[in-house]
PDB file of N, CA and C in Angstrom:
ATOM      1  N   MET A   1     132.354  90.817  62.618  1.00  0.00           N
ATOM      2  CA  MET A   1     133.233  89.700  62.482  1.00  0.00           C
ATOM      3  C   MET A   1     132.922  88.972  61.187  1.00  0.00           C
ATOM      4  N   PRO A   2     133.330  89.553  60.070  1.00  0.00           N
ATOM      5  CA  PRO A   2     132.994  88.960  58.778  1.00  0.00           C
ATOM      6  C   PRO A   2     133.807  87.704  58.480  1.00  0.00           C
ATOM      7  N   ARG A   3     133.196  86.847  57.710  1.00  0.00           N
ATOM      8  CA  ARG A   3     133.865  85.644  57.214  1.00  0.00           C
ATOM      9  C   ARG A   3     134.593  85.999  55.924  1.00  0.00           C
ATOM     10  N   ALA A   4     135.269  85.033  55.336  1.00  0.00           N
ATOM     11  CA  ALA A   4     135.993  85.266  54.083  1.00  0.00           C
ATOM     12  C   ALA A   4     135.051  85.666  52.955  1.00  0.00           C
ATOM     13  N   ASP A   5     133.814  85.142  52.971  1.00  0.00           N
ATOM     14  CA  ASP A   5     132.865  85.482  51.910  1.00  0.00           C
ATOM     15  C   ASP A   5     132.082  86.765  52.191  1.00  0.00           C
ATOM     16  N   GLY A   6     132.400  87.455  53.288  1.00  0.00           N
ATOM     17  CA  GLY A   6     131.757  88.729  53.601  1.00  0.00           C
ATOM     18  C   GLY A   6     130.541  88.624  54.510  1.00  0.00           C
ATOM     19  N   SER A   7     130.006  87.402  54.726  1.00  0.00           N
ATOM     20  CA  SER A   7     128.849  87.241  55.610  1.00  0.00           C
ATOM     21  C   SER A   7     129.304  87.316  57.059  1.00  0.00           C
ATOM     22  N   ARG A   8     128.349  87.477  57.959  1.00  0.00           N
ATOM     23  CA  ARG A   8     128.673  87.615  59.377  1.00  0.00           C
ATOM     24  C   ARG A   8     128.030  86.522  60.198  1.00  0.00           C
ATOM     25  N   ARG A   9     128.670  86.188  61.310  1.00  0.00           N
ATOM     26  CA  ARG A   9     128.122  85.231  62.260  1.00  0.00           C
ATOM     27  C   ARG A   9     127.351  85.978  63.333  1.00  0.00           C
ATOM     28  N   ASN A  10     126.549  85.282  64.059  1.00  0.00           N
ATOM     29  CA  ASN A  10     125.873  85.815  65.248  1.00  0.00           C
ATOM     30  C   ASN A  10     124.947  86.994  64.960  1.00  0.00           C
ATOM     31  N   ILE A  11     124.425  87.090  63.764  1.00  0.00           N
ATOM     32  CA  ILE A  11     123.583  88.233  63.412  1.00  0.00           C
ATOM     33  C   ILE A  11     122.339  88.288  64.302  1.00  0.00           C
ATOM     34  N   ARG A  12     121.691  87.156  64.535  1.00  0.00           N
ATOM     35  CA  ARG A  12     120.480  87.136  65.358  1.00  0.00           C
ATOM     36  C   ARG A  12     120.787  87.565  66.798  1.00  0.00           C
ATOM     37  N   THR A  13     121.889  87.076  67.339  1.00  0.00           N
ATOM     38  CA  THR A  13     122.269  87.432  68.709  1.00  0.00           C
ATOM     39  C   THR A  13     122.579  88.920  68.799  1.00  0.00           C
ATOM     40  N   ILE A  14     123.295  89.461  67.827  1.00  0.00           N
ATOM     41  CA  ILE A  14     123.627  90.891  67.820  1.00  0.00           C
ATOM     42  C   ILE A  14     122.359  91.730  67.727  1.00  0.00           C
ATOM     43  N   GLU A  15     121.429  91.326  66.871  1.00  0.00           N
ATOM     44  CA  GLU A  15     120.166  92.056  66.741  1.00  0.00           C
ATOM     45  C   GLU A  15     119.385  92.038  68.056  1.00  0.00           C
ATOM     46  N   ARG A  16     119.402  90.921  68.755  1.00  0.00           N
ATOM     47  CA  ARG A  16     118.693  90.831  70.033  1.00  0.00           C
ATOM     48  C   ARG A  16     119.356  91.718  71.093  1.00  0.00           C
ATOM     49  N   ILE A  17     120.678  91.758  71.106  1.00  0.00           N
ATOM     50  CA  ILE A  17     121.380  92.624  72.051  1.00  0.00           C
ATOM     51  C   ILE A  17     121.059  94.084  71.754  1.00  0.00           C
ATOM     52  N   LYS A  18     121.057  94.459  70.474  1.00  0.00           N
ATOM     53  CA  LYS A  18     120.706  95.826  70.087  1.00  0.00           C
ATOM     54  C   LYS A  18     119.298  96.171  70.555  1.00  0.00           C
ATOM     55  N   LYS A  19     118.370  95.224  70.430  1.00  0.00           N
ATOM     56  CA  LYS A  19     116.986  95.441  70.854  1.00  0.00           C
ATOM     57  C   LYS A  19     116.913  95.675  72.366  1.00  0.00           C
ATOM     58  N   LEU A  20     117.652  94.879  73.142  1.00  0.00           N
ATOM     59  CA  LEU A  20     117.642  95.030  74.596  1.00  0.00           C
ATOM     60  C   LEU A  20     118.192  96.389  75.016  1.00  0.00           C
ATOM     61  N   ILE A  21     119.290  96.812  74.408  1.00  0.00           N
ATOM     62  CA  ILE A  21     119.876  98.110  74.748  1.00  0.00           C
ATOM     63  C   ILE A  21     118.947  99.234  74.336  1.00  0.00           C
ATOM     64  N   ASP A  22     118.353  99.102  73.149  1.00  0.00           N
ATOM     65  CA  ASP A  22     117.457 100.141  72.644  1.00  0.00           C
ATOM     66  C   ASP A  22     116.204 100.278  73.505  1.00  0.00           C
ATOM     67  N   GLU A  23     115.731  99.184  74.086  1.00  0.00           N
ATOM     68  CA  GLU A  23     114.525  99.213  74.916  1.00  0.00           C
ATOM     69  C   GLU A  23     114.780  99.722  76.333  1.00  0.00           C
ATOM     70  N   SER A  24     116.039  99.788  76.748  1.00  0.00           N
ATOM     71  CA  SER A  24     116.334 100.256  78.105  1.00  0.00           C
ATOM     72  C   SER A  24     116.105 101.762  78.188  1.00  0.00           C
ATOM     73  N   GLU A  25     115.766 102.242  79.358  1.00  0.00           N
ATOM     74  CA  GLU A  25     115.440 103.661  79.550  1.00  0.00           C
ATOM     75  C   GLU A  25     116.625 104.572  79.233  1.00  0.00           C
ATOM     76  N   GLU A  26     117.802 104.192  79.688  1.00  0.00           N
ATOM     77  CA  GLU A  26     118.975 105.043  79.515  1.00  0.00           C
ATOM     78  C   GLU A  26     119.756 104.723  78.245  1.00  0.00           C
ATOM     79  N   ARG A  27     119.300 103.726  77.483  1.00  0.00           N
ATOM     80  CA  ARG A  27     119.966 103.272  76.267  1.00  0.00           C
ATOM     81  C   ARG A  27     121.393 102.802  76.525  1.00  0.00           C
ATOM     82  N   GLN A  28     121.597 102.254  77.698  1.00  0.00           N
ATOM     83  CA  GLN A  28     122.875 101.643  78.049  1.00  0.00           C
ATOM     84  C   GLN A  28     122.638 100.597  79.125  1.00  0.00           C
ATOM     85  N   LEU A  29     123.385  99.519  79.042  1.00  0.00           N
ATOM     86  CA  LEU A  29     123.250  98.425  79.997  1.00  0.00           C
ATOM     87  C   LEU A  29     124.635  97.856  80.296  1.00  0.00           C
ATOM     88  N   THR A  30     124.783  97.284  81.479  1.00  0.00           N
ATOM     89  CA  THR A  30     126.019  96.580  81.798  1.00  0.00           C
ATOM     90  C   THR A  30     125.973  95.206  81.139  1.00  0.00           C
ATOM     91  N   THR A  31     127.130  94.576  81.043  1.00  0.00           N
ATOM     92  CA  THR A  31     127.206  93.234  80.478  1.00  0.00           C
ATOM     93  C   THR A  31     126.303  92.287  81.253  1.00  0.00           C
ATOM     94  N   GLN A  32     126.309  92.410  82.548  1.00  0.00           N
ATOM     95  CA  GLN A  32     125.495  91.555  83.414  1.00  0.00           C
ATOM     96  C   GLN A  32     123.998  91.779  83.171  1.00  0.00           C
ATOM     97  N   GLN A  33     123.577  93.023  83.025  1.00  0.00           N
ATOM     98  CA  GLN A  33     122.169  93.327  82.759  1.00  0.00           C
ATOM     99  C   GLN A  33     121.738  92.754  81.406  1.00  0.00           C
ATOM    100  N   ILE A  34     122.593  92.901  80.399  1.00  0.00           N
ATOM    101  CA  ILE A  34     122.279  92.360  79.074  1.00  0.00           C
ATOM    102  C   ILE A  34     122.102  90.851  79.168  1.00  0.00           C
ATOM    103  N   TYR A  35     123.010  90.186  79.858  1.00  0.00           N
ATOM    104  CA  TYR A  35     122.938  88.732  79.998  1.00  0.00           C
ATOM    105  C   TYR A  35     121.649  88.304  80.692  1.00  0.00           C
ATOM    106  N   LEU A  36     121.319  88.953  81.798  1.00  0.00           N
ATOM    107  CA  LEU A  36     120.119  88.577  82.545  1.00  0.00           C
ATOM    108  C   LEU A  36     118.841  88.819  81.745  1.00  0.00           C
ATOM    109  N   LYS A  37     118.773  89.931  81.025  1.00  0.00           N
ATOM    110  CA  LYS A  37     117.602  90.217  80.198  1.00  0.00           C
ATOM    111  C   LYS A  37     117.507  89.231  79.031  1.00  0.00           C
ATOM    112  N   PHE A  38     118.657  88.877  78.472  1.00  0.00           N
ATOM    113  CA  PHE A  38     118.694  87.922  77.366  1.00  0.00           C
ATOM    114  C   PHE A  38     118.162  86.571  77.819  1.00  0.00           C
ATOM    115  N   VAL A  39     118.637  86.088  78.947  1.00  0.00           N
ATOM    116  CA  VAL A  39     118.204  84.787  79.480  1.00  0.00           C
ATOM    117  C   VAL A  39     116.713  84.813  79.811  1.00  0.00           C
ATOM    118  N   GLU A  40     116.232  85.946  80.282  1.00  0.00           N
ATOM    119  CA  GLU A  40     114.826  86.094  80.627  1.00  0.00           C
ATOM    120  C   GLU A  40     113.926  85.969  79.398  1.00  0.00           C
ATOM    121  N   ARG A  41     114.363  86.537  78.271  1.00  0.00           N
ATOM    122  CA  ARG A  41     113.527  86.557  77.066  1.00  0.00           C
ATOM    123  C   ARG A  41     113.773  85.391  76.128  1.00  0.00           C
ATOM    124  N   TRP A  42     115.023  85.032  75.924  1.00  0.00           N
ATOM    125  CA  TRP A  42     115.380  83.991  74.965  1.00  0.00           C
ATOM    126  C   TRP A  42     116.252  82.943  75.659  1.00  0.00           C
ATOM    127  N   VAL A  43     115.628  82.096  76.438  1.00  0.00           N
ATOM    128  CA  VAL A  43     116.358  81.135  77.274  1.00  0.00           C
ATOM    129  C   VAL A  43     117.268  80.233  76.440  1.00  0.00           C
ATOM    130  N   LYS A  44     116.738  79.636  75.404  1.00  0.00           N
ATOM    131  CA  LYS A  44     117.524  78.677  74.625  1.00  0.00           C
ATOM    132  C   LYS A  44     118.582  79.347  73.754  1.00  0.00           C
ATOM    133  N   GLY A  45     118.386  80.583  73.371  1.00  0.00           N
ATOM    134  CA  GLY A  45     119.346  81.242  72.492  1.00  0.00           C
ATOM    135  C   GLY A  45     120.329  82.129  73.209  1.00  0.00           C
ATOM    136  N   ALA A  46     120.383  82.049  74.517  1.00  0.00           N
ATOM    137  CA  ALA A  46     121.247  82.939  75.289  1.00  0.00           C
ATOM    138  C   ALA A  46     122.720  82.566  75.135  1.00  0.00           C
ATOM    139  N   PRO A  47     123.579  83.555  74.870  1.00  0.00           N
ATOM    140  CA  PRO A  47     125.013  83.276  74.797  1.00  0.00           C
ATOM    141  C   PRO A  47     125.588  83.121  76.198  1.00  0.00           C
ATOM    142  N   THR A  48     126.744  82.506  76.297  1.00  0.00           N
ATOM    143  CA  THR A  48     127.436  82.453  77.585  1.00  0.00           C
ATOM    144  C   THR A  48     127.965  83.856  77.883  1.00  0.00           C
ATOM    145  N   MET A  49     128.347  84.096  79.124  1.00  0.00           N
ATOM    146  CA  MET A  49     128.902  85.404  79.479  1.00  0.00           C
ATOM    147  C   MET A  49     130.164  85.689  78.673  1.00  0.00           C
ATOM    148  N   ALA A  50     130.996  84.675  78.464  1.00  0.00           N
ATOM    149  CA  ALA A  50     132.230  84.863  77.702  1.00  0.00           C
ATOM    150  C   ALA A  50     131.923  85.241  76.255  1.00  0.00           C
ATOM    151  N   ARG A  51     130.979  84.548  75.634  1.00  0.00           N
ATOM    152  CA  ARG A  51     130.603  84.853  74.252  1.00  0.00           C
ATOM    153  C   ARG A  51     129.964  86.228  74.161  1.00  0.00           C
ATOM    154  N   LEU A  52     129.124  86.563  75.121  1.00  0.00           N
ATOM    155  CA  LEU A  52     128.488  87.870  75.142  1.00  0.00           C
ATOM    156  C   LEU A  52     129.529  88.983  75.234  1.00  0.00           C
ATOM    157  N   GLY A  53     130.486  88.826  76.119  1.00  0.00           N
ATOM    158  CA  GLY A  53     131.550  89.816  76.248  1.00  0.00           C
ATOM    159  C   GLY A  53     132.338  89.986  74.961  1.00  0.00           C
ATOM    160  N   ASN A  54     132.636  88.884  74.299  1.00  0.00           N
ATOM    161  CA  ASN A  54     133.355  88.958  73.023  1.00  0.00           C
ATOM    162  C   ASN A  54     132.519  89.632  71.949  1.00  0.00           C
ATOM    163  N   LEU A  55     131.226  89.318  71.883  1.00  0.00           N
ATOM    164  CA  LEU A  55     130.356  89.956  70.892  1.00  0.00           C
ATOM    165  C   LEU A  55     130.278  91.467  71.117  1.00  0.00           C
ATOM    166  N   LEU A  56     130.139  91.874  72.360  1.00  0.00           N
ATOM    167  CA  LEU A  56     130.058  93.301  72.668  1.00  0.00           C
ATOM    168  C   LEU A  56     131.360  94.014  72.327  1.00  0.00           C
ATOM    169  N   ALA A  57     132.473  93.393  72.630  1.00  0.00           N
ATOM    170  CA  ALA A  57     133.768  94.031  72.407  1.00  0.00           C
ATOM    171  C   ALA A  57     134.161  94.077  70.932  1.00  0.00           C
ATOM    172  N   LYS A  58     133.797  93.059  70.182  1.00  0.00           N
ATOM    173  CA  LYS A  58     134.278  92.944  68.804  1.00  0.00           C
ATOM    174  C   LYS A  58     133.293  93.427  67.756  1.00  0.00           C
ATOM    175  N   SER A  59     132.034  93.591  68.097  1.00  0.00           N
ATOM    176  CA  SER A  59     131.040  94.032  67.118  1.00  0.00           C
ATOM    177  C   SER A  59     131.061  95.550  67.005  1.00  0.00           C
ATOM    178  N   LYS A  60     130.987  96.025  65.776  1.00  0.00           N
ATOM    179  CA  LYS A  60     131.050  97.466  65.544  1.00  0.00           C
ATOM    180  C   LYS A  60     129.763  98.198  65.921  1.00  0.00           C
ATOM    181  N   GLU A  61     128.718  97.451  66.255  1.00  0.00           N
ATOM    182  CA  GLU A  61     127.446  98.061  66.624  1.00  0.00           C
ATOM    183  C   GLU A  61     127.433  98.608  68.047  1.00  0.00           C
ATOM    184  N   PHE A  62     128.363  98.156  68.882  1.00  0.00           N
ATOM    185  CA  PHE A  62     128.362  98.511  70.300  1.00  0.00           C
ATOM    186  C   PHE A  62     129.616  99.290  70.676  1.00  0.00           C
ATOM    187  N   GLU A  63     129.465 100.137  71.688  1.00  0.00           N
ATOM    188  CA  GLU A  63     130.631 100.848  72.210  1.00  0.00           C
ATOM    189  C   GLU A  63     130.617 100.810  73.732  1.00  0.00           C
ATOM    190  N   LEU A  64     131.800 100.738  74.297  1.00  0.00           N
ATOM    191  CA  LEU A  64     131.969 100.743  75.741  1.00  0.00           C
ATOM    192  C   LEU A  64     131.826 102.181  76.209  1.00  0.00           C
ATOM    193  N   ILE A  65     130.784 102.453  76.978  1.00  0.00           N
ATOM    194  CA  ILE A  65     130.494 103.816  77.421  1.00  0.00           C
ATOM    195  C   ILE A  65     131.239 104.139  78.705  1.00  0.00           C
ATOM    196  N   GLY A  66     131.316 103.184  79.584  1.00  0.00           N
ATOM    197  CA  GLY A  66     131.970 103.402  80.867  1.00  0.00           C
ATOM    198  C   GLY A  66     131.996 102.109  81.642  1.00  0.00           C
ATOM    199  N   GLN A  67     132.201 102.229  82.932  1.00  0.00           N
ATOM    200  CA  GLN A  67     132.231 101.048  83.776  1.00  0.00           C
ATOM    201  C   GLN A  67     131.413 101.282  85.033  1.00  0.00           C
ATOM    202  N   ALA A  68     130.754 100.229  85.469  1.00  0.00           N
ATOM    203  CA  ALA A  68     130.011 100.251  86.725  1.00  0.00           C
ATOM    204  C   ALA A  68     130.773  99.377  87.714  1.00  0.00           C
ATOM    205  N   ILE A  69     130.487  99.548  88.974  1.00  0.00           N
ATOM    206  CA  ILE A  69     131.147  98.757  90.013  1.00  0.00           C
ATOM    207  C   ILE A  69     130.173  97.712  90.538  1.00  0.00           C
ATOM    208  N   GLY A  70     130.588  96.457  90.501  1.00  0.00           N
ATOM    209  CA  GLY A  70     129.814  95.366  91.071  1.00  0.00           C
ATOM    210  C   GLY A  70     130.466  94.926  92.364  1.00  0.00           C
ATOM    211  N   SER A  71     129.731  94.249  93.210  1.00  0.00           N
ATOM    212  CA  SER A  71     130.328  93.783  94.463  1.00  0.00           C
ATOM    213  C   SER A  71     130.080  92.295  94.628  1.00  0.00           C
ATOM    214  N   GLY A  72     131.007  91.653  95.283  1.00  0.00           N
ATOM    215  CA  GLY A  72     130.920  90.225  95.515  1.00  0.00           C
ATOM    216  C   GLY A  72     130.045  89.907  96.712  1.00  0.00           C
ATOM    217  N   VAL A  73     130.106  88.673  97.115  1.00  0.00           N
ATOM    218  CA  VAL A  73     129.309  88.189  98.238  1.00  0.00           C
ATOM    219  C   VAL A  73     129.649  88.983  99.494  1.00  0.00           C
ATOM    220  N   ASN A  74     128.631  89.445 100.184  1.00  0.00           N
ATOM    221  CA  ASN A  74     128.772  90.206 101.433  1.00  0.00           C
ATOM    222  C   ASN A  74     129.600  91.482 101.267  1.00  0.00           C
ATOM    223  N   GLY A  75     129.748  91.949 100.043  1.00  0.00           N
ATOM    224  CA  GLY A  75     130.500  93.182  99.811  1.00  0.00           C
ATOM    225  C   GLY A  75     131.985  93.056 100.101  1.00  0.00           C
ATOM    226  N   GLU A  76     132.504  91.837 100.118  1.00  0.00           N
ATOM    227  CA  GLU A  76     133.912  91.624 100.462  1.00  0.00           C
ATOM    228  C   GLU A  76     134.865  92.112  99.375  1.00  0.00           C
ATOM    229  N   TYR A  77     134.425  92.117  98.136  1.00  0.00           N
ATOM    230  CA  TYR A  77     135.274  92.585  97.043  1.00  0.00           C
ATOM    231  C   TYR A  77     134.411  93.283  96.001  1.00  0.00           C
ATOM    232  N   SER A  78     135.054  94.054  95.160  1.00  0.00           N
ATOM    233  CA  SER A  78     134.328  94.737  94.094  1.00  0.00           C
ATOM    234  C   SER A  78     135.052  94.504  92.771  1.00  0.00           C
ATOM    235  N   TYR A  79     134.320  94.707  91.683  1.00  0.00           N
ATOM    236  CA  TYR A  79     134.888  94.506  90.355  1.00  0.00           C
ATOM    237  C   TYR A  79     134.213  95.463  89.384  1.00  0.00           C
ATOM    238  N   LYS A  80     134.850  95.668  88.246  1.00  0.00           N
ATOM    239  CA  LYS A  80     134.313  96.576  87.237  1.00  0.00           C
ATOM    240  C   LYS A  80     133.500  95.794  86.212  1.00  0.00           C
ATOM    241  N   ILE A  81     132.384  96.382  85.799  1.00  0.00           N
ATOM    242  CA  ILE A  81     131.506  95.794  84.791  1.00  0.00           C
ATOM    243  C   ILE A  81     131.386  96.810  83.659  1.00  0.00           C
ATOM    244  N   GLY A  82     131.548  96.363  82.424  1.00  0.00           N
ATOM    245  CA  GLY A  82     131.433  97.255  81.277  1.00  0.00           C
ATOM    246  C   GLY A  82     130.019  97.758  81.080  1.00  0.00           C
ATOM    247  N   MET A  83     129.887  99.042  80.749  1.00  0.00           N
ATOM    248  CA  MET A  83     128.594  99.661  80.435  1.00  0.00           C
ATOM    249  C   MET A  83     128.572  99.857  78.915  1.00  0.00           C
ATOM    250  N   TRP A  84     127.580  99.278  78.239  1.00  0.00           N
ATOM    251  CA  TRP A  84     127.539  99.258  76.783  1.00  0.00           C
ATOM    252  C   TRP A  84     126.373 100.059  76.230  1.00  0.00           C
ATOM    253  N   GLY A  85     126.607 100.679  75.084  1.00  0.00           N
ATOM    254  CA  GLY A  85     125.577 101.405  74.365  1.00  0.00           C
ATOM    255  C   GLY A  85     125.720 101.139  72.882  1.00  0.00           C
ATOM    256  N   LEU A  86     124.789 101.658  72.105  1.00  0.00           N
ATOM    257  CA  LEU A  86     124.831 101.488  70.654  1.00  0.00           C
ATOM    258  C   LEU A  86     125.623 102.623  70.023  1.00  0.00           C
ATOM    259  N   LYS A  87     126.455 102.290  69.041  1.00  0.00           N
ATOM    260  CA  LYS A  87     127.125 103.325  68.264  1.00  0.00           C
ATOM    261  C   LYS A  87     126.087 103.931  67.342  1.00  0.00           C
ATOM    262  N   HIS A  88     126.270 105.166  67.014  1.00  0.00           N
ATOM    263  CA  HIS A  88     125.329 105.843  66.133  1.00  0.00           C
ATOM    264  C   HIS A  88     125.646 105.549  64.680  1.00  0.00           C
ATOM    265  N   GLU A  89     124.587 105.442  63.892  1.00  0.00           N
ATOM    266  CA  GLU A  89     124.674 105.256  62.454  1.00  0.00           C
ATOM    267  C   GLU A  89     125.509 104.057  62.036  1.00  0.00           C
ATOM    268  N   THR A  90     125.213 102.913  62.603  1.00  0.00           N
ATOM    269  CA  THR A  90     125.822 101.673  62.136  1.00  0.00           C
ATOM    270  C   THR A  90     124.717 100.734  61.727  1.00  0.00           C
ATOM    271  N   SER A  91     125.030  99.872  60.804  1.00  0.00           N
ATOM    272  CA  SER A  91     124.060  98.863  60.409  1.00  0.00           C
ATOM    273  C   SER A  91     124.743  97.510  60.409  1.00  0.00           C
ATOM    274  N   ILE A  92     123.974  96.489  60.489  1.00  0.00           N
ATOM    275  CA  ILE A  92     124.510  95.126  60.566  1.00  0.00           C
ATOM    276  C   ILE A  92     125.156  94.724  59.238  1.00  0.00           C
ATOM    277  N   ASP A  93     124.826  95.378  58.142  1.00  0.00           N
ATOM    278  CA  ASP A  93     125.333  94.993  56.826  1.00  0.00           C
ATOM    279  C   ASP A  93     126.708  95.573  56.518  1.00  0.00           C
ATOM    280  N   ASN A  94     127.151  96.589  57.254  1.00  0.00           N
ATOM    281  CA  ASN A  94     128.446  97.217  56.940  1.00  0.00           C
ATOM    282  C   ASN A  94     129.607  96.395  57.384  1.00  0.00           C
TER     283      ASN A  94
END
């Protein structure tokens, strides 16, 4: 998400998300897992779920790999959660 002068916003947050995905065993995490791990490690710098979803969807460093199924209270309803991974051969400077 470059600005008019070519610089980017949210570089630190994107780098932290990349670190969390890279450290996971399967190299992929759901949006919910990323959020929970982020809050666990960087409480004050954690993005909201809405901001996190936008960063994952709009940043060229991440790709939607698939979807997982989440369930609501008492299993009364279910919903889809995005599964995210790192794109190959991308850098934050491009």
